[in-house]
C-alpha cells in the first residue's frame, strides 16, 4: 500500500494505546500489523528498507491529528534510513540534557 493507503488503514484500525504496531517500508510500499499480546513480535525485517514499532495514544477521531501523527511517525522511521536528521538536541550539548 502507498502512504495514503497506509494512513487510511491505520485510521480504520481503531488502535488502542496498549496496542503495539509494526510498520515497514519496502521501496514505495508500506505494510503494518498489530502485534498480538503475548506473541513474540517479529525480530527480522528482512527485505524492508526501514521499519519501526510504535504504541501510544492514537488519535482516533481527529483526522488532522491522525495525519500529523502518521507524517511524524514516517519521518521518524525515514530518519533511521539516512533521511532527515531529527535530533532534538544540539550535538555540542553534553548528556544528560538539562533544562
PDB file of N, CA and C in Angstrom:
ATOM      1  N   UNK A   1       0.846  -1.173   0.000  1.00  0.00           N
ATOM      2  CA  UNK A   1       0.000   0.000   0.000  1.00  0.00           C
ATOM      3  C   UNK A   1       0.896   1.243   0.000  1.00  0.00           C
ATOM      4  N   UNK A   2       0.395   2.340  -0.567  1.00  0.00           N
ATOM      5  CA  UNK A   2       1.167   3.576  -0.564  1.00  0.00           C
ATOM      6  C   UNK A   2       0.918   4.332   0.749  1.00  0.00           C
ATOM      7  N   UNK A   3       1.512   5.532   0.884  1.00  0.00           N
ATOM      8  CA  UNK A   3       1.386   6.306   2.129  1.00  0.00           C
ATOM      9  C   UNK A   3      -0.075   6.606   2.463  1.00  0.00           C
ATOM     10  N   UNK A   4      -0.835   7.054   1.482  1.00  0.00           N
ATOM     11  CA  UNK A   4      -2.242   7.402   1.736  1.00  0.00           C
ATOM     12  C   UNK A   4      -3.025   6.175   2.186  1.00  0.00           C
ATOM     13  N   UNK A   5      -2.782   5.048   1.541  1.00  0.00           N
ATOM     14  CA  UNK A   5      -3.465   3.812   1.930  1.00  0.00           C
ATOM     15  C   UNK A   5      -3.038   3.370   3.327  1.00  0.00           C
ATOM     16  N   UNK A   6      -1.758   3.551   3.655  1.00  0.00           N
ATOM     17  CA  UNK A   6      -1.271   3.229   4.999  1.00  0.00           C
ATOM     18  C   UNK A   6      -1.998   4.075   6.032  1.00  0.00           C
ATOM     19  N   UNK A   7      -2.073   5.392   5.801  1.00  0.00           N
ATOM     20  CA  UNK A   7      -2.735   6.285   6.746  1.00  0.00           C
ATOM     21  C   UNK A   7      -4.202   5.888   6.911  1.00  0.00           C
ATOM     22  N   UNK A   8      -4.884   5.597   5.809  1.00  0.00           N
ATOM     23  CA  UNK A   8      -6.288   5.184   5.870  1.00  0.00           C
ATOM     24  C   UNK A   8      -6.449   3.875   6.641  1.00  0.00           C
ATOM     25  N   UNK A   9      -5.585   2.924   6.352  1.00  0.00           N
ATOM     26  CA  UNK A   9      -5.668   1.619   7.001  1.00  0.00           C
ATOM     27  C   UNK A   9      -5.444   1.745   8.507  1.00  0.00           C
ATOM     28  N   UNK A  10      -4.451   2.522   8.909  1.00  0.00           N
ATOM     29  CA  UNK A  10      -4.201   2.733  10.337  1.00  0.00           C
ATOM     30  C   UNK A  10      -5.368   3.466  10.989  1.00  0.00           C
ATOM     31  N   UNK A  11      -5.958   4.422  10.268  1.00  0.00           N
ATOM     32  CA  UNK A  11      -7.092   5.169  10.798  1.00  0.00           C
ATOM     33  C   UNK A  11      -8.324   4.314  11.017  1.00  0.00           C
ATOM     34  N   UNK A  12      -8.504   3.298  10.200  1.00  0.00           N
ATOM     35  CA  UNK A  12      -9.660   2.413  10.317  1.00  0.00           C
ATOM     36  C   UNK A  12      -9.438   1.286  11.329  1.00  0.00           C
ATOM     37  N   UNK A  13      -8.220   1.137  11.804  1.00  0.00           N
ATOM     38  CA  UNK A  13      -7.877   0.001  12.664  1.00  0.00           C
ATOM     39  C   UNK A  13      -8.377   0.130  14.097  1.00  0.00           C
ATOM     40  N   UNK A  14      -8.804   1.302  14.522  1.00  0.00           N
ATOM     41  CA  UNK A  14      -9.264   1.518  15.897  1.00  0.00           C
ATOM     42  C   UNK A  14      -8.225   1.046  16.907  1.00  0.00           C
ATOM     43  N   UNK A  15      -7.024   1.569  16.776  1.00  0.00           N
ATOM     44  CA  UNK A  15      -5.924   1.196  17.657  1.00  0.00           C
ATOM     45  C   UNK A  15      -6.117   1.776  19.049  1.00  0.00           C
ATOM     46  N   UNK A  16      -5.663   1.034  20.042  1.00  0.00           N
ATOM     47  CA  UNK A  16      -5.715   1.458  21.435  1.00  0.00           C
ATOM     48  C   UNK A  16      -4.306   1.783  21.914  1.00  0.00           C
ATOM     49  N   UNK A  17      -4.173   2.597  22.983  1.00  0.00           N
ATOM     50  CA  UNK A  17      -2.840   2.966  23.466  1.00  0.00           C
ATOM     51  C   UNK A  17      -1.958   1.775  23.822  1.00  0.00           C
ATOM     52  N   UNK A  18      -2.550   0.658  24.232  1.00  0.00           N
ATOM     53  CA  UNK A  18      -1.738  -0.508  24.619  1.00  0.00           C
ATOM     54  C   UNK A  18      -1.331  -1.370  23.421  1.00  0.00           C
ATOM     55  N   UNK A  19      -1.878  -1.102  22.250  1.00  0.00           N
ATOM     56  CA  UNK A  19      -1.504  -1.866  21.062  1.00  0.00           C
ATOM     57  C   UNK A  19      -0.085  -1.535  20.621  1.00  0.00           C
ATOM     58  N   UNK A  20       0.612  -2.536  20.144  1.00  0.00           N
ATOM     59  CA  UNK A  20       1.933  -2.359  19.545  1.00  0.00           C
ATOM     60  C   UNK A  20       1.762  -2.589  18.054  1.00  0.00           C
ATOM     61  N   UNK A  21       2.233  -1.642  17.267  1.00  0.00           N
ATOM     62  CA  UNK A  21       2.063  -1.702  15.825  1.00  0.00           C
ATOM     63  C   UNK A  21       3.430  -1.721  15.160  1.00  0.00           C
ATOM     64  N   UNK A  22       3.601  -2.605  14.197  1.00  0.00           N
ATOM     65  CA  UNK A  22       4.817  -2.717  13.394  1.00  0.00           C
ATOM     66  C   UNK A  22       4.523  -2.126  12.020  1.00  0.00           C
ATOM     67  N   UNK A  23       5.371  -1.201  11.566  1.00  0.00           N
ATOM     68  CA  UNK A  23       5.228  -0.573  10.249  1.00  0.00           C
ATOM     69  C   UNK A  23       6.542  -0.743   9.508  1.00  0.00           C
ATOM     70  N   UNK A  24       6.458  -1.083   8.225  1.00  0.00           N
ATOM     71  CA  UNK A  24       7.680  -1.195   7.430  1.00  0.00           C
ATOM     72  C   UNK A  24       7.460  -0.587   6.047  1.00  0.00           C
ATOM     73  N   UNK A  25       8.600  -0.207   5.424  1.00  0.00           N
ATOM     74  CA  UNK A  25       8.572   0.298   4.061  1.00  0.00           C
ATOM     75  C   UNK A  25       9.526  -0.535   3.225  1.00  0.00           C
ATOM     76  N   UNK A  26       9.046  -0.921   2.050  1.00  0.00           N
ATOM     77  CA  UNK A  26       9.849  -1.629   1.046  1.00  0.00           C
ATOM     78  C   UNK A  26       9.695  -0.840  -0.248  1.00  0.00           C
ATOM     79  N   UNK A  27      10.711  -0.054  -0.587  1.00  0.00           N
ATOM     80  CA  UNK A  27      10.579   0.840  -1.733  1.00  0.00           C
ATOM     81  C   UNK A  27       9.549   1.900  -1.418  1.00  0.00           C
ATOM     82  N   UNK A  28       8.522   2.010  -2.237  1.00  0.00           N
ATOM     83  CA  UNK A  28       7.453   2.992  -2.021  1.00  0.00           C
ATOM     84  C   UNK A  28       6.213   2.344  -1.410  1.00  0.00           C
ATOM     85  N   UNK A  29       6.317   1.076  -1.014  1.00  0.00           N
ATOM     86  CA  UNK A  29       5.176   0.346  -0.470  1.00  0.00           C
ATOM     87  C   UNK A  29       5.335   0.144   1.037  1.00  0.00           C
ATOM     88  N   UNK A  30       4.221   0.287   1.744  1.00  0.00           N
ATOM     89  CA  UNK A  30       4.199   0.149   3.196  1.00  0.00           C
ATOM     90  C   UNK A  30       3.301  -1.014   3.592  1.00  0.00           C
ATOM     91  N   UNK A  31       3.581  -1.559   4.747  1.00  0.00           N
ATOM     92  CA  UNK A  31       2.680  -2.529   5.356  1.00  0.00           C
ATOM     93  C   UNK A  31       2.762  -2.349   6.865  1.00  0.00           C
ATOM     94  N   UNK A  32       1.777  -2.874   7.548  1.00  0.00           N
ATOM     95  CA  UNK A  32       1.768  -2.786   9.004  1.00  0.00           C
ATOM     96  C   UNK A  32       0.978  -3.957   9.560  1.00  0.00           C
ATOM     97  N   UNK A  33       1.219  -4.258  10.824  1.00  0.00           N
ATOM     98  CA  UNK A  33       0.356  -5.193  11.529  1.00  0.00           C
ATOM     99  C   UNK A  33       0.413  -4.921  13.024  1.00  0.00           C
ATOM    100  N   UNK A  34      -0.653  -5.295  13.690  1.00  0.00           N
ATOM    101  CA  UNK A  34      -0.757  -5.175  15.143  1.00  0.00           C
ATOM    102  C   UNK A  34      -0.072  -6.381  15.750  1.00  0.00           C
ATOM    103  N   UNK A  35       0.775  -6.154  16.733  1.00  0.00           N
ATOM    104  CA  UNK A  35       1.444  -7.246  17.436  1.00  0.00           C
ATOM    105  C   UNK A  35       0.469  -7.806  18.456  1.00  0.00           C
ATOM    106  N   UNK A  36       0.235  -9.077  18.398  1.00  0.00           N
ATOM    107  CA  UNK A  36      -0.729  -9.733  19.278  1.00  0.00           C
ATOM    108  C   UNK A  36      -0.126  -9.874  20.676  1.00  0.00           C
ATOM    109  N   UNK A  37      -0.863  -9.454  21.736  1.00  0.00           N
ATOM    110  CA  UNK A  37      -0.346  -9.572  23.102  1.00  0.00           C
ATOM    111  C   UNK A  37       0.075 -11.004  23.420  1.00  0.00           C
ATOM    112  N   UNK A  38       1.244 -11.135  24.010  1.00  0.00           N
ATOM    113  CA  UNK A  38       1.772 -12.442  24.370  1.00  0.00           C
ATOM    114  C   UNK A  38       2.536 -13.119  23.254  1.00  0.00           C
ATOM    115  N   UNK A  39       2.368 -12.653  22.032  1.00  0.00           N
ATOM    116  CA  UNK A  39       3.096 -13.234  20.898  1.00  0.00           C
ATOM    117  C   UNK A  39       4.473 -12.580  20.802  1.00  0.00           C
ATOM    118  N   UNK A  40       5.398 -13.293  20.246  1.00  0.00           N
ATOM    119  CA  UNK A  40       6.735 -12.750  20.045  1.00  0.00           C
ATOM    120  C   UNK A  40       6.685 -11.863  18.796  1.00  0.00           C
ATOM    121  N   UNK A  41       7.024 -10.565  18.951  1.00  0.00           N
ATOM    122  CA  UNK A  41       6.989  -9.688  17.778  1.00  0.00           C
ATOM    123  C   UNK A  41       8.095 -10.057  16.792  1.00  0.00           C
ATOM    124  N   UNK A  42       7.927  -9.711  15.524  1.00  0.00           N
ATOM    125  CA  UNK A  42       8.965 -10.020  14.545  1.00  0.00           C
ATOM    126  C   UNK A  42      10.291  -9.393  14.946  1.00  0.00           C
ATOM    127  N   UNK A  43      11.357 -10.138  14.808  1.00  0.00           N
ATOM    128  CA  UNK A  43      12.681  -9.606  15.127  1.00  0.00           C
ATOM    129  C   UNK A  43      13.496  -9.404  13.871  1.00  0.00           C
ATOM    130  N   UNK A  44      12.972  -9.802  12.751  1.00  0.00           N
ATOM    131  CA  UNK A  44      13.681  -9.627  11.498  1.00  0.00           C
ATOM    132  C   UNK A  44      12.794  -8.850  10.535  1.00  0.00           C
ATOM    133  N   UNK A  45      13.398  -7.903   9.892  1.00  0.00           N
ATOM    134  CA  UNK A  45      12.678  -7.142   8.880  1.00  0.00           C
ATOM    135  C   UNK A  45      13.339  -7.382   7.530  1.00  0.00           C
ATOM    136  N   UNK A  46      13.755  -8.616   7.292  1.00  0.00           N
ATOM    137  CA  UNK A  46      14.465  -8.966   6.062  1.00  0.00           C
ATOM    138  C   UNK A  46      13.723  -8.432   4.848  1.00  0.00           C
ATOM    139  N   UNK A  47      14.414  -7.675   4.049  1.00  0.00           N
ATOM    140  CA  UNK A  47      13.832  -7.128   2.839  1.00  0.00           C
ATOM    141  C   UNK A  47      13.218  -5.751   3.012  1.00  0.00           C
ATOM    142  N   UNK A  48      12.992  -5.318   4.248  1.00  0.00           N
ATOM    143  CA  UNK A  48      12.428  -3.987   4.473  1.00  0.00           C
ATOM    144  C   UNK A  48      13.538  -2.946   4.389  1.00  0.00           C
ATOM    145  N   UNK A  49      13.220  -1.800   3.776  1.00  0.00           N
ATOM    146  CA  UNK A  49      14.179  -0.701   3.730  1.00  0.00           C
ATOM    147  C   UNK A  49      14.311  -0.033   5.095  1.00  0.00           C
ATOM    148  N   UNK A  50      13.187   0.098   5.758  1.00  0.00           N
ATOM    149  CA  UNK A  50      13.150   0.710   7.082  1.00  0.00           C
ATOM    150  C   UNK A  50      11.889   0.220   7.793  1.00  0.00           C
ATOM    151  N   UNK A  51      11.945   0.125   9.129  1.00  0.00           N
ATOM    152  CA  UNK A  51      10.809  -0.385   9.888  1.00  0.00           C
ATOM    153  C   UNK A  51      10.845   0.178  11.291  1.00  0.00           C
ATOM    154  N   UNK A  52       9.709   0.111  11.981  1.00  0.00           N
ATOM    155  CA  UNK A  52       9.655   0.536  13.380  1.00  0.00           C
ATOM    156  C   UNK A  52       8.425  -0.055  14.059  1.00  0.00           C
ATOM    157  N   UNK A  53       8.478  -0.056  15.380  1.00  0.00           N
ATOM    158  CA  UNK A  53       7.330  -0.393  16.220  1.00  0.00           C
ATOM    159  C   UNK A  53       6.868   0.895  16.890  1.00  0.00           C
ATOM    160  N   UNK A  54       5.592   1.006  17.175  1.00  0.00           N
ATOM    161  CA  UNK A  54       5.110   2.117  17.981  1.00  0.00           C
ATOM    162  C   UNK A  54       3.903   1.679  18.787  1.00  0.00           C
ATOM    163  N   UNK A  55       3.687   2.386  19.865  1.00  0.00           N
ATOM    164  CA  UNK A  55       2.473   2.236  20.658  1.00  0.00           C
ATOM    165  C   UNK A  55       2.230   3.573  21.328  1.00  0.00           C
ATOM    166  N   UNK A  56       1.035   3.795  21.730  1.00  0.00           N
ATOM    167  CA  UNK A  56       0.716   5.043  22.403  1.00  0.00           C
ATOM    168  C   UNK A  56      -0.679   5.508  22.084  1.00  0.00           C
ATOM    169  N   UNK A  57      -0.963   6.723  22.503  1.00  0.00           N
ATOM    170  CA  UNK A  57      -2.296   7.296  22.336  1.00  0.00           C
ATOM    171  C   UNK A  57      -2.518   7.621  20.869  1.00  0.00           C
ATOM    172  N   UNK A  58      -3.376   6.866  20.221  1.00  0.00           N
ATOM    173  CA  UNK A  58      -3.661   7.003  18.801  1.00  0.00           C
ATOM    174  C   UNK A  58      -4.809   7.980  18.611  1.00  0.00           C
ATOM    175  N   UNK A  59      -4.634   9.006  17.764  1.00  0.00           N
ATOM    176  CA  UNK A  59      -5.710   9.980  17.535  1.00  0.00           C
ATOM    177  C   UNK A  59      -6.831   9.394  16.678  1.00  0.00           C
ATOM    178  N   UNK A  60      -7.803   8.771  17.307  1.00  0.00           N
ATOM    179  CA  UNK A  60      -8.837   8.005  16.602  1.00  0.00           C
ATOM    180  C   UNK A  60      -9.807   8.850  15.795  1.00  0.00           C
ATOM    181  N   UNK A  61     -10.394   9.854  16.401  1.00  0.00           N
ATOM    182  CA  UNK A  61     -11.498  10.568  15.763  1.00  0.00           C
ATOM    183  C   UNK A  61     -11.123  11.967  15.287  1.00  0.00           C
ATOM    184  N   UNK A  62      -9.843  12.207  15.111  1.00  0.00           N
ATOM    185  CA  UNK A  62      -9.381  13.529  14.686  1.00  0.00           C
ATOM    186  C   UNK A  62      -8.501  13.352  13.458  1.00  0.00           C
ATOM    187  N   UNK A  63      -9.091  13.567  12.275  1.00  0.00           N
ATOM    188  CA  UNK A  63      -8.383  13.322  11.020  1.00  0.00           C
ATOM    189  C   UNK A  63      -7.083  14.116  10.941  1.00  0.00           C
ATOM    190  N   UNK A  64      -7.110  15.405  11.293  1.00  0.00           N
ATOM    191  CA  UNK A  64      -5.911  16.235  11.191  1.00  0.00           C
ATOM    192  C   UNK A  64      -4.813  15.755  12.134  1.00  0.00           C
ATOM    193  N   UNK A  65      -5.171  15.412  13.366  1.00  0.00           N
ATOM    194  CA  UNK A  65      -4.172  14.881  14.315  1.00  0.00           C
ATOM    195  C   UNK A  65      -3.625  13.552  13.826  1.00  0.00           C
ATOM    196  N   UNK A  66      -4.504  12.704  13.266  1.00  0.00           N
ATOM    197  CA  UNK A  66      -4.064  11.400  12.776  1.00  0.00           C
ATOM    198  C   UNK A  66      -3.097  11.558  11.607  1.00  0.00           C
ATOM    199  N   UNK A  67      -3.392  12.473  10.682  1.00  0.00           N
ATOM    200  CA  UNK A  67      -2.492  12.724   9.554  1.00  0.00           C
ATOM    201  C   UNK A  67      -1.141  13.229  10.059  1.00  0.00           C
ATOM    202  N   UNK A  68      -1.151  14.163  11.012  1.00  0.00           N
ATOM    203  CA  UNK A  68       0.092  14.697  11.572  1.00  0.00           C
ATOM    204  C   UNK A  68       0.863  13.597  12.292  1.00  0.00           C
ATOM    205  N   UNK A  69       0.153  12.741  13.039  1.00  0.00           N
ATOM    206  CA  UNK A  69       0.793  11.627  13.738  1.00  0.00           C
ATOM    207  C   UNK A  69       1.481  10.703  12.740  1.00  0.00           C
ATOM    208  N   UNK A  70       0.769  10.336  11.670  1.00  0.00           N
ATOM    209  CA  UNK A  70       1.332   9.424  10.667  1.00  0.00           C
ATOM    210  C   UNK A  70       2.521  10.057   9.954  1.00  0.00           C
ATOM    211  N   UNK A  71       2.412  11.328   9.605  1.00  0.00           N
ATOM    212  CA  UNK A  71       3.528  12.017   8.957  1.00  0.00           C
ATOM    213  C   UNK A  71       4.756  12.020   9.859  1.00  0.00           C
ATOM    214  N   UNK A  72       4.551  12.312  11.148  1.00  0.00           N
ATOM    215  CA  UNK A  72       5.662  12.337  12.093  1.00  0.00           C
ATOM    216  C   UNK A  72       6.248  10.945  12.282  1.00  0.00           C
ATOM    217  N   UNK A  73       5.379   9.941  12.381  1.00  0.00           N
ATOM    218  CA  UNK A  73       5.849   8.566  12.535  1.00  0.00           C
ATOM    219  C   UNK A  73       6.729   8.159  11.348  1.00  0.00           C
ATOM    220  N   UNK A  74       6.272   8.444  10.122  1.00  0.00           N
ATOM    221  CA  UNK A  74       7.052   8.068   8.948  1.00  0.00           C
ATOM    222  C   UNK A  74       8.329   8.889   8.833  1.00  0.00           C
ATOM    223  N   UNK A  75       8.294  10.160   9.232  1.00  0.00           N
ATOM    224  CA  UNK A  75       9.519  10.970   9.223  1.00  0.00           C
ATOM    225  C   UNK A  75      10.541  10.392  10.193  1.00  0.00           C
ATOM    226  N   UNK A  76      10.081   9.955  11.354  1.00  0.00           N
ATOM    227  CA  UNK A  76      10.988   9.329  12.321  1.00  0.00           C
ATOM    228  C   UNK A  76      11.560   8.031  11.754  1.00  0.00           C
ATOM    229  N   UNK A  77      10.707   7.240  11.121  1.00  0.00           N
ATOM    230  CA  UNK A  77      11.147   5.986  10.522  1.00  0.00           C
ATOM    231  C   UNK A  77      12.159   6.264   9.412  1.00  0.00           C
ATOM    232  N   UNK A  78      11.894   7.247   8.562  1.00  0.00           N
ATOM    233  CA  UNK A  78      12.796   7.577   7.464  1.00  0.00           C
ATOM    234  C   UNK A  78      14.137   8.090   7.970  1.00  0.00           C
ATOM    235  N   UNK A  79      14.153   8.757   9.128  1.00  0.00           N
ATOM    236  CA  UNK A  79      15.417   9.253   9.666  1.00  0.00           C
ATOM    237  C   UNK A  79      16.363   8.103   9.991  1.00  0.00           C
ATOM    238  N   UNK A  80      15.798   6.942  10.276  1.00  0.00           N
ATOM    239  CA  UNK A  80      16.623   5.763  10.572  1.00  0.00           C
ATOM    240  C   UNK A  80      17.255   5.187   9.313  1.00  0.00           C
ATOM    241  N   UNK A  81      16.747   5.590   8.149  1.00  0.00           N
ATOM    242  CA  UNK A  81      17.279   5.100   6.878  1.00  0.00           C
ATOM    243  C   UNK A  81      18.153   6.157   6.214  1.00  0.00           C
ATOM    244  N   UNK A  82      18.633   7.115   7.009  1.00  0.00           N
ATOM    245  CA  UNK A  82      19.506   8.138   6.463  1.00  0.00           C
ATOM    246  C   UNK A  82      18.776   9.355   5.952  1.00  0.00           C
ATOM    247  N   UNK A  83      17.500   9.485   6.312  1.00  0.00           N
ATOM    248  CA  UNK A  83      16.728  10.652   5.899  1.00  0.00           C
ATOM    249  C   UNK A  83      17.086  11.859   6.743  1.00  0.00           C
ATOM    250  N   UNK A  84      16.131  12.727   6.961  1.00  0.00           N
ATOM    251  CA  UNK A  84      16.359  13.942   7.739  1.00  0.00           C
ATOM    252  C   UNK A  84      16.882  13.628   9.129  1.00  0.00           C
ATOM    253  N   UNK A  85      17.722  14.534   9.638  1.00  0.00           N
ATOM    254  CA  UNK A  85      18.223  14.433  10.999  1.00  0.00           C
ATOM    255  C   UNK A  85      17.141  14.960  11.932  1.00  0.00           C
ATOM    256  N   UNK A  86      16.610  14.096  12.789  1.00  0.00           N
ATOM    257  CA  UNK A  86      15.541  14.500  13.699  1.00  0.00           C
ATOM    258  C   UNK A  86      16.044  14.639  15.123  1.00  0.00           C
ATOM    259  N   UNK A  87      17.350  14.839  15.277  1.00  0.00           N
ATOM    260  CA  UNK A  87      17.923  15.038  16.601  1.00  0.00           C
ATOM    261  C   UNK A  87      17.319  16.295  17.207  1.00  0.00           C
ATOM    262  N   UNK A  88      16.882  16.186  18.410  1.00  0.00           N
ATOM    263  CA  UNK A  88      16.226  17.318  19.043  1.00  0.00           C
ATOM    264  C   UNK A  88      17.149  18.116  19.956  1.00  0.00           C
ATOM    265  N   UNK A  89      18.405  17.700  20.079  1.00  0.00           N
ATOM    266  CA  UNK A  89      19.367  18.406  20.917  1.00  0.00           C
ATOM    267  C   UNK A  89      20.605  18.732  20.103  1.00  0.00           C
ATOM    268  N   UNK A  90      21.173  19.909  20.314  1.00  0.00           N
ATOM    269  CA  UNK A  90      22.425  20.238  19.622  1.00  0.00           C
ATOM    270  C   UNK A  90      23.522  19.242  20.006  1.00  0.00           C
ATOM    271  N   UNK A  91      24.341  18.865  19.034  1.00  0.00           N
ATOM    272  CA  UNK A  91      25.386  17.878  19.280  1.00  0.00           C
ATOM    273  C   UNK A  91      26.418  18.355  20.283  1.00  0.00           C
ATOM    274  N   UNK A  92      26.592  19.662  20.438  1.00  0.00           N
ATOM    275  CA  UNK A  92      27.622  20.174  21.347  1.00  0.00           C
ATOM    276  C   UNK A  92      27.152  20.263  22.800  1.00  0.00           C
ATOM    277  N   UNK A  93      25.909  19.854  23.093  1.00  0.00           N
ATOM    278  CA  UNK A  93      25.437  19.837  24.466  1.00  0.00           C
ATOM    279  C   UNK A  93      25.635  18.445  25.050  1.00  0.00           C
ATOM    280  N   UNK A  94      26.334  18.343  26.180  1.00  0.00           N
ATOM    281  CA  UNK A  94      26.623  17.032  26.767  1.00  0.00           C
ATOM    282  C   UNK A  94      25.383  16.375  27.352  1.00  0.00           C
ATOM    283  N   UNK A  95      25.454  15.065  27.467  1.00  0.00           N
ATOM    284  CA  UNK A  95      24.419  14.274  28.097  1.00  0.00           C
ATOM    285  C   UNK A  95      24.656  14.259  29.583  1.00  0.00           C
ATOM    286  N   UNK A  96      23.714  14.244  30.447  1.00  0.00           N
ATOM    287  CA  UNK A  96      22.281  14.314  30.188  1.00  0.00           C
ATOM    288  C   UNK A  96      21.851  15.741  29.907  1.00  0.00           C
ATOM    289  N   UNK A  97      20.765  15.858  29.196  1.00  0.00           N
ATOM    290  CA  UNK A  97      20.241  17.182  28.846  1.00  0.00           C
ATOM    291  C   UNK A  97      19.599  17.792  30.083  1.00  0.00           C
ATOM    292  N   UNK A  98      19.902  19.040  30.324  1.00  0.00           N
ATOM    293  CA  UNK A  98      19.339  19.765  31.460  1.00  0.00           C
ATOM    294  C   UNK A  98      18.554  20.960  30.953  1.00  0.00           C
ATOM    295  N   UNK A  99      17.422  21.229  31.584  1.00  0.00           N
ATOM    296  CA  UNK A  99      16.619  22.402  31.189  1.00  0.00           C
ATOM    297  C   UNK A  99      16.773  23.480  32.216  1.00  0.00           C
TER     298      UNK A  99
END
